[in-house]
Amino acid sequence: MNRNEFLAALDEMLELDPGTLKGGETLDGIDSWDSLAVISFIALVDEKFNTVVAGEDLAKAKTVDDLLALVSDHVAA
């Protein structure tokens, strides 16, 4: 999976229009980023990459780029 495909998966997960997320957006600025979205993100990463994101690492994420950094081993530039 590449960066654009992952961003598209995040758009879909967060019920945003395709192409909305570019990477620099702050998570606090995304209306649909809530506790359910956090769980959905963990599930997405598990489903796509068969890996678990540590809760403490996810709690530190402030931007979409931070989310990408959490899966950088699995997402091609």
PDB file of N, CA and C in Angstrom:
ATOM      1  N   MET A   1       0.864  -1.174   0.000  1.00  0.00           N
ATOM      2  CA  MET A   1       0.000   0.000   0.000  1.00  0.00           C
ATOM      3  C   MET A   1       0.902   1.225   0.000  1.00  0.00           C
ATOM      4  N   ASN A   2       0.509   2.217  -0.809  1.00  0.00           N
ATOM      5  CA  ASN A   2       1.291   3.445  -0.807  1.00  0.00           C
ATOM      6  C   ASN A   2       0.574   4.525   0.003  1.00  0.00           C
ATOM      7  N   ARG A   3       1.223   5.668   0.108  1.00  0.00           N
ATOM      8  CA  ARG A   3       0.704   6.774   0.925  1.00  0.00           C
ATOM      9  C   ARG A   3      -0.700   7.199   0.478  1.00  0.00           C
ATOM     10  N   ASN A   4      -0.882   7.369  -0.830  1.00  0.00           N
ATOM     11  CA  ASN A   4      -2.180   7.821  -1.336  1.00  0.00           C
ATOM     12  C   ASN A   4      -3.274   6.800  -1.064  1.00  0.00           C
ATOM     13  N   GLU A   5      -2.970   5.535  -1.188  1.00  0.00           N
ATOM     14  CA  GLU A   5      -3.948   4.485  -0.901  1.00  0.00           C
ATOM     15  C   GLU A   5      -4.320   4.484   0.582  1.00  0.00           C
ATOM     16  N   PHE A   6      -3.316   4.696   1.432  1.00  0.00           N
ATOM     17  CA  PHE A   6      -3.590   4.734   2.866  1.00  0.00           C
ATOM     18  C   PHE A   6      -4.431   5.962   3.226  1.00  0.00           C
ATOM     19  N   LEU A   7      -4.108   7.111   2.639  1.00  0.00           N
ATOM     20  CA  LEU A   7      -4.902   8.311   2.882  1.00  0.00           C
ATOM     21  C   LEU A   7      -6.336   8.114   2.394  1.00  0.00           C
ATOM     22  N   ALA A   8      -6.501   7.420   1.265  1.00  0.00           N
ATOM     23  CA  ALA A   8      -7.845   7.127   0.754  1.00  0.00           C
ATOM     24  C   ALA A   8      -8.601   6.227   1.733  1.00  0.00           C
ATOM     25  N   ALA A   9      -7.896   5.253   2.320  1.00  0.00           N
ATOM     26  CA  ALA A   9      -8.531   4.370   3.308  1.00  0.00           C
ATOM     27  C   ALA A   9      -8.935   5.167   4.547  1.00  0.00           C
ATOM     28  N   LEU A  10      -8.108   6.127   4.945  1.00  0.00           N
ATOM     29  CA  LEU A  10      -8.457   6.989   6.080  1.00  0.00           C
ATOM     30  C   LEU A  10      -9.657   7.874   5.744  1.00  0.00           C
ATOM     31  N   ASP A  11      -9.671   8.435   4.531  1.00  0.00           N
ATOM     32  CA  ASP A  11     -10.831   9.229   4.095  1.00  0.00           C
ATOM     33  C   ASP A  11     -12.107   8.407   4.232  1.00  0.00           C
ATOM     34  N   GLU A  12     -12.057   7.180   3.731  1.00  0.00           N
ATOM     35  CA  GLU A  12     -13.238   6.317   3.779  1.00  0.00           C
ATOM     36  C   GLU A  12     -13.622   5.991   5.223  1.00  0.00           C
ATOM     37  N   MET A  13     -12.619   5.651   6.028  1.00  0.00           N
ATOM     38  CA  MET A  13     -12.866   5.293   7.423  1.00  0.00           C
ATOM     39  C   MET A  13     -13.511   6.449   8.178  1.00  0.00           C
ATOM     40  N   LEU A  14     -13.066   7.661   7.888  1.00  0.00           N
ATOM     41  CA  LEU A  14     -13.566   8.849   8.583  1.00  0.00           C
ATOM     42  C   LEU A  14     -14.778   9.455   7.882  1.00  0.00           C
ATOM     43  N   GLU A  15     -15.262   8.782   6.834  1.00  0.00           N
ATOM     44  CA  GLU A  15     -16.417   9.235   6.069  1.00  0.00           C
ATOM     45  C   GLU A  15     -16.218  10.636   5.506  1.00  0.00           C
ATOM     46  N   LEU A  16     -15.005  10.872   4.968  1.00  0.00           N
ATOM     47  CA  LEU A  16     -14.675  12.137   4.321  1.00  0.00           C
ATOM     48  C   LEU A  16     -14.735  11.941   2.812  1.00  0.00           C
ATOM     49  N   ASP A  17     -14.864  13.037   2.085  1.00  0.00           N
ATOM     50  CA  ASP A  17     -14.831  12.948   0.635  1.00  0.00           C
ATOM     51  C   ASP A  17     -13.466  12.426   0.190  1.00  0.00           C
ATOM     52  N   PRO A  18     -13.435  11.599  -0.855  1.00  0.00           N
ATOM     53  CA  PRO A  18     -12.150  11.092  -1.351  1.00  0.00           C
ATOM     54  C   PRO A  18     -11.204  12.250  -1.680  1.00  0.00           C
ATOM     55  N   GLY A  19      -9.956  12.100  -1.273  1.00  0.00           N
ATOM     56  CA  GLY A  19      -8.946  13.113  -1.534  1.00  0.00           C
ATOM     57  C   GLY A  19      -8.901  14.232  -0.520  1.00  0.00           C
ATOM     58  N   THR A  20      -9.701  14.130   0.539  1.00  0.00           N
ATOM     59  CA  THR A  20      -9.734  15.190   1.553  1.00  0.00           C
ATOM     60  C   THR A  20      -8.409  15.274   2.306  1.00  0.00           C
ATOM     61  N   LEU A  21      -7.918  14.136   2.769  1.00  0.00           N
ATOM     62  CA  LEU A  21      -6.710  14.137   3.595  1.00  0.00           C
ATOM     63  C   LEU A  21      -5.458  14.184   2.736  1.00  0.00           C
ATOM     64  N   LYS A  22      -4.540  15.046   3.134  1.00  0.00           N
ATOM     65  CA  LYS A  22      -3.255  15.185   2.444  1.00  0.00           C
ATOM     66  C   LYS A  22      -2.088  14.815   3.347  1.00  0.00           C
ATOM     67  N   GLY A  23      -2.288  14.896   4.663  1.00  0.00           N
ATOM     68  CA  GLY A  23      -1.240  14.524   5.603  1.00  0.00           C
ATOM     69  C   GLY A  23      -1.002  15.532   6.708  1.00  0.00           C
ATOM     70  N   GLY A  24      -1.075  16.807   6.385  1.00  0.00           N
ATOM     71  CA  GLY A  24      -0.757  17.827   7.375  1.00  0.00           C
ATOM     72  C   GLY A  24      -1.907  18.215   8.290  1.00  0.00           C
ATOM     73  N   GLU A  25      -3.084  17.653   8.046  1.00  0.00           N
ATOM     74  CA  GLU A  25      -4.250  18.019   8.847  1.00  0.00           C
ATOM     75  C   GLU A  25      -4.069  17.614  10.306  1.00  0.00           C
ATOM     76  N   THR A  26      -4.516  18.483  11.210  1.00  0.00           N
ATOM     77  CA  THR A  26      -4.494  18.121  12.622  1.00  0.00           C
ATOM     78  C   THR A  26      -5.706  17.246  12.914  1.00  0.00           C
ATOM     79  N   LEU A  27      -5.508  16.261  13.745  1.00  0.00           N
ATOM     80  CA  LEU A  27      -6.596  15.339  14.068  1.00  0.00           C
ATOM     81  C   LEU A  27      -7.727  16.062  14.786  1.00  0.00           C
ATOM     82  N   ASP A  28      -7.387  17.029  15.635  1.00  0.00           N
ATOM     83  CA  ASP A  28      -8.411  17.806  16.343  1.00  0.00           C
ATOM     84  C   ASP A  28      -9.298  18.592  15.383  1.00  0.00           C
ATOM     85  N   GLY A  29      -8.785  18.888  14.199  1.00  0.00           N
ATOM     86  CA  GLY A  29      -9.540  19.647  13.216  1.00  0.00           C
ATOM     87  C   GLY A  29     -10.462  18.795  12.349  1.00  0.00           C
ATOM     88  N   ILE A  30     -10.414  17.487  12.535  1.00  0.00           N
ATOM     89  CA  ILE A  30     -11.263  16.581  11.766  1.00  0.00           C
ATOM     90  C   ILE A  30     -12.446  16.194  12.647  1.00  0.00           C
ATOM     91  N   ASP A  31     -13.631  16.637  12.253  1.00  0.00           N
ATOM     92  CA  ASP A  31     -14.829  16.421  13.071  1.00  0.00           C
ATOM     93  C   ASP A  31     -15.069  14.955  13.402  1.00  0.00           C
ATOM     94  N   SER A  32     -14.762  14.078  12.461  1.00  0.00           N
ATOM     95  CA  SER A  32     -15.061  12.661  12.673  1.00  0.00           C
ATOM     96  C   SER A  32     -13.954  11.921  13.428  1.00  0.00           C
ATOM     97  N   TRP A  33     -12.888  12.616  13.820  1.00  0.00           N
ATOM     98  CA  TRP A  33     -11.829  11.982  14.611  1.00  0.00           C
ATOM     99  C   TRP A  33     -12.256  11.985  16.072  1.00  0.00           C
ATOM    100  N   ASP A  34     -12.703  10.843  16.540  1.00  0.00           N
ATOM    101  CA  ASP A  34     -13.166  10.697  17.911  1.00  0.00           C
ATOM    102  C   ASP A  34     -12.730   9.326  18.418  1.00  0.00           C
ATOM    103  N   SER A  35     -13.227   8.920  19.555  1.00  0.00           N
ATOM    104  CA  SER A  35     -12.800   7.639  20.133  1.00  0.00           C
ATOM    105  C   SER A  35     -13.164   6.460  19.229  1.00  0.00           C
ATOM    106  N   LEU A  36     -14.283   6.542  18.535  1.00  0.00           N
ATOM    107  CA  LEU A  36     -14.650   5.482  17.597  1.00  0.00           C
ATOM    108  C   LEU A  36     -13.673   5.448  16.419  1.00  0.00           C
ATOM    109  N   ALA A  37     -13.253   6.616  15.950  1.00  0.00           N
ATOM    110  CA  ALA A  37     -12.286   6.683  14.855  1.00  0.00           C
ATOM    111  C   ALA A  37     -10.943   6.099  15.278  1.00  0.00           C
ATOM    112  N   VAL A  38     -10.555   6.319  16.515  1.00  0.00           N
ATOM    113  CA  VAL A  38      -9.309   5.737  17.020  1.00  0.00           C
ATOM    114  C   VAL A  38      -9.382   4.216  16.962  1.00  0.00           C
ATOM    115  N   ILE A  39     -10.492   3.661  17.411  1.00  0.00           N
ATOM    116  CA  ILE A  39     -10.682   2.209  17.367  1.00  0.00           C
ATOM    117  C   ILE A  39     -10.698   1.727  15.920  1.00  0.00           C
ATOM    118  N   SER A  40     -11.347   2.476  15.054  1.00  0.00           N
ATOM    119  CA  SER A  40     -11.395   2.118  13.635  1.00  0.00           C
ATOM    120  C   SER A  40     -10.009   2.166  13.006  1.00  0.00           C
ATOM    121  N   PHE A  41      -9.195   3.138  13.413  1.00  0.00           N
ATOM    122  CA  PHE A  41      -7.828   3.221  12.901  1.00  0.00           C
ATOM    123  C   PHE A  41      -7.030   1.990  13.323  1.00  0.00           C
ATOM    124  N   ILE A  42      -7.145   1.610  14.576  1.00  0.00           N
ATOM    125  CA  ILE A  42      -6.446   0.424  15.077  1.00  0.00           C
ATOM    126  C   ILE A  42      -6.892  -0.806  14.287  1.00  0.00           C
ATOM    127  N   ALA A  43      -8.188  -0.915  14.033  1.00  0.00           N
ATOM    128  CA  ALA A  43      -8.720  -2.053  13.274  1.00  0.00           C
ATOM    129  C   ALA A  43      -8.238  -2.019  11.827  1.00  0.00           C
ATOM    130  N   LEU A  44      -8.186  -0.840  11.221  1.00  0.00           N
ATOM    131  CA  LEU A  44      -7.714  -0.699   9.844  1.00  0.00           C
ATOM    132  C   LEU A  44      -6.270  -1.164   9.716  1.00  0.00           C
ATOM    133  N   VAL A  45      -5.436  -0.723  10.628  1.00  0.00           N
ATOM    134  CA  VAL A  45      -4.024  -1.103  10.597  1.00  0.00           C
ATOM    135  C   VAL A  45      -3.871  -2.614  10.813  1.00  0.00           C
ATOM    136  N   ASP A  46      -4.642  -3.153  11.723  1.00  0.00           N
ATOM    137  CA  ASP A  46      -4.600  -4.593  11.973  1.00  0.00           C
ATOM    138  C   ASP A  46      -5.038  -5.365  10.729  1.00  0.00           C
ATOM    139  N   GLU A  47      -6.126  -4.924  10.110  1.00  0.00           N
ATOM    140  CA  GLU A  47      -6.662  -5.615   8.928  1.00  0.00           C
ATOM    141  C   GLU A  47      -5.709  -5.530   7.741  1.00  0.00           C
ATOM    142  N   LYS A  48      -5.175  -4.335   7.480  1.00  0.00           N
ATOM    143  CA  LYS A  48      -4.338  -4.121   6.297  1.00  0.00           C
ATOM    144  C   LYS A  48      -2.923  -4.650   6.461  1.00  0.00           C
ATOM    145  N   PHE A  49      -2.365  -4.528   7.671  1.00  0.00           N
ATOM    146  CA  PHE A  49      -0.954  -4.825   7.864  1.00  0.00           C
ATOM    147  C   PHE A  49      -0.676  -5.914   8.887  1.00  0.00           C
ATOM    148  N   ASN A  50      -1.734  -6.439   9.506  1.00  0.00           N
ATOM    149  CA  ASN A  50      -1.586  -7.481  10.521  1.00  0.00           C
ATOM    150  C   ASN A  50      -0.606  -7.047  11.618  1.00  0.00           C
ATOM    151  N   THR A  51      -0.776  -5.826  12.069  1.00  0.00           N
ATOM    152  CA  THR A  51       0.060  -5.284  13.137  1.00  0.00           C
ATOM    153  C   THR A  51      -0.814  -4.453  14.071  1.00  0.00           C
ATOM    154  N   VAL A  52      -0.363  -4.306  15.296  1.00  0.00           N
ATOM    155  CA  VAL A  52      -1.117  -3.560  16.300  1.00  0.00           C
ATOM    156  C   VAL A  52      -0.374  -2.265  16.620  1.00  0.00           C
ATOM    157  N   VAL A  53      -1.100  -1.164  16.568  1.00  0.00           N
ATOM    158  CA  VAL A  53      -0.539   0.133  16.945  1.00  0.00           C
ATOM    159  C   VAL A  53      -0.690   0.268  18.454  1.00  0.00           C
ATOM    160  N   ALA A  54       0.388   0.604  19.123  1.00  0.00           N
ATOM    161  CA  ALA A  54       0.349   0.777  20.572  1.00  0.00           C
ATOM    162  C   ALA A  54      -0.487   2.012  20.919  1.00  0.00           C
ATOM    163  N   GLY A  55      -1.360   1.848  21.888  1.00  0.00           N
ATOM    164  CA  GLY A  55      -2.241   2.931  22.304  1.00  0.00           C
ATOM    165  C   GLY A  55      -1.492   4.178  22.714  1.00  0.00           C
ATOM    166  N   GLU A  56      -0.373   4.003  23.416  1.00  0.00           N
ATOM    167  CA  GLU A  56       0.390   5.179  23.855  1.00  0.00           C
ATOM    168  C   GLU A  56       1.021   5.912  22.676  1.00  0.00           C
ATOM    169  N   ASP A  57       1.388   5.176  21.619  1.00  0.00           N
ATOM    170  CA  ASP A  57       1.918   5.827  20.416  1.00  0.00           C
ATOM    171  C   ASP A  57       0.813   6.568  19.684  1.00  0.00           C
ATOM    172  N   LEU A  58      -0.345   5.947  19.594  1.00  0.00           N
ATOM    173  CA  LEU A  58      -1.476   6.574  18.926  1.00  0.00           C
ATOM    174  C   LEU A  58      -1.936   7.819  19.684  1.00  0.00           C
ATOM    175  N   ALA A  59      -1.865   7.789  20.991  1.00  0.00           N
ATOM    176  CA  ALA A  59      -2.276   8.941  21.795  1.00  0.00           C
ATOM    177  C   ALA A  59      -1.385  10.155  21.542  1.00  0.00           C
ATOM    178  N   LYS A  60      -0.155   9.931  21.109  1.00  0.00           N
ATOM    179  CA  LYS A  60       0.772  11.025  20.827  1.00  0.00           C
ATOM    180  C   LYS A  60       0.540  11.659  19.459  1.00  0.00           C
ATOM    181  N   ALA A  61      -0.192  10.973  18.586  1.00  0.00           N
ATOM    182  CA  ALA A  61      -0.429  11.469  17.230  1.00  0.00           C
ATOM    183  C   ALA A  61      -1.273  12.738  17.257  1.00  0.00           C
ATOM    184  N   LYS A  62      -0.810  13.756  16.563  1.00  0.00           N
ATOM    185  CA  LYS A  62      -1.521  15.033  16.499  1.00  0.00           C
ATOM    186  C   LYS A  62      -1.985  15.365  15.077  1.00  0.00           C
ATOM    187  N   THR A  63      -1.352  14.747  14.079  1.00  0.00           N
ATOM    188  CA  THR A  63      -1.688  15.033  12.684  1.00  0.00           C
ATOM    189  C   THR A  63      -1.871  13.728  11.916  1.00  0.00           C
ATOM    190  N   VAL A  64      -2.409  13.848  10.714  1.00  0.00           N
ATOM    191  CA  VAL A  64      -2.541  12.686   9.842  1.00  0.00           C
ATOM    192  C   VAL A  64      -1.144  12.144   9.508  1.00  0.00           C
ATOM    193  N   ASP A  65      -0.168  13.027   9.322  1.00  0.00           N
ATOM    194  CA  ASP A  65       1.212  12.572   9.085  1.00  0.00           C
ATOM    195  C   ASP A  65       1.731  11.740  10.253  1.00  0.00           C
ATOM    196  N   ASP A  66       1.329  12.071  11.472  1.00  0.00           N
ATOM    197  CA  ASP A  66       1.719  11.268  12.635  1.00  0.00           C
ATOM    198  C   ASP A  66       1.131   9.864  12.537  1.00  0.00           C
ATOM    199  N   LEU A  67      -0.105   9.762  12.053  1.00  0.00           N
ATOM    200  CA  LEU A  67      -0.712   8.441  11.858  1.00  0.00           C
ATOM    201  C   LEU A  67       0.071   7.658  10.811  1.00  0.00           C
ATOM    202  N   LEU A  68       0.450   8.346   9.745  1.00  0.00           N
ATOM    203  CA  LEU A  68       1.244   7.694   8.701  1.00  0.00           C
ATOM    204  C   LEU A  68       2.584   7.213   9.255  1.00  0.00           C
ATOM    205  N   ALA A  69       3.180   8.002  10.137  1.00  0.00           N
ATOM    206  CA  ALA A  69       4.466   7.618  10.713  1.00  0.00           C
ATOM    207  C   ALA A  69       4.328   6.316  11.528  1.00  0.00           C
ATOM    208  N   LEU A  70       3.168   6.111  12.117  1.00  0.00           N
ATOM    209  CA  LEU A  70       2.955   4.897  12.913  1.00  0.00           C
ATOM    210  C   LEU A  70       2.959   3.639  12.057  1.00  0.00           C
ATOM    211  N   VAL A  71       2.678   3.787  10.778  1.00  0.00           N
ATOM    212  CA  VAL A  71       2.635   2.626   9.869  1.00  0.00           C
ATOM    213  C   VAL A  71       3.659   2.751   8.751  1.00  0.00           C
ATOM    214  N   SER A  72       4.661   3.580   8.955  1.00  0.00           N
ATOM    215  CA  SER A  72       5.625   3.864   7.890  1.00  0.00           C
ATOM    216  C   SER A  72       6.360   2.623   7.390  1.00  0.00           C
ATOM    217  N   ASP A  73       6.481   1.601   8.211  1.00  0.00           N
ATOM    218  CA  ASP A  73       7.122   0.372   7.776  1.00  0.00           C
ATOM    219  C   ASP A  73       6.275  -0.375   6.746  1.00  0.00           C
ATOM    220  N   HIS A  74       5.001  -0.037   6.665  1.00  0.00           N
ATOM    221  CA  HIS A  74       4.071  -0.742   5.793  1.00  0.00           C
ATOM    222  C   HIS A  74       3.546   0.082   4.632  1.00  0.00           C
ATOM    223  N   VAL A  75       3.763   1.395   4.677  1.00  0.00           N
ATOM    224  CA  VAL A  75       3.224   2.284   3.656  1.00  0.00           C
ATOM    225  C   VAL A  75       4.385   2.880   2.859  1.00  0.00           C
ATOM    226  N   ALA A  76       4.365   2.624   1.553  1.00  0.00           N
ATOM    227  CA  ALA A  76       5.409   3.161   0.679  1.00  0.00           C
ATOM    228  C   ALA A  76       5.135   4.638   0.412  1.00  0.00           C
ATOM    229  N   ALA A  77       6.217   5.369   0.252  1.00  0.00           N
ATOM    230  CA  ALA A  77       6.102   6.804  -0.038  1.00  0.00           C
ATOM    231  C   ALA A  77       5.481   7.007  -1.364  1.00  0.00           C
TER     232      ALA A  77
END
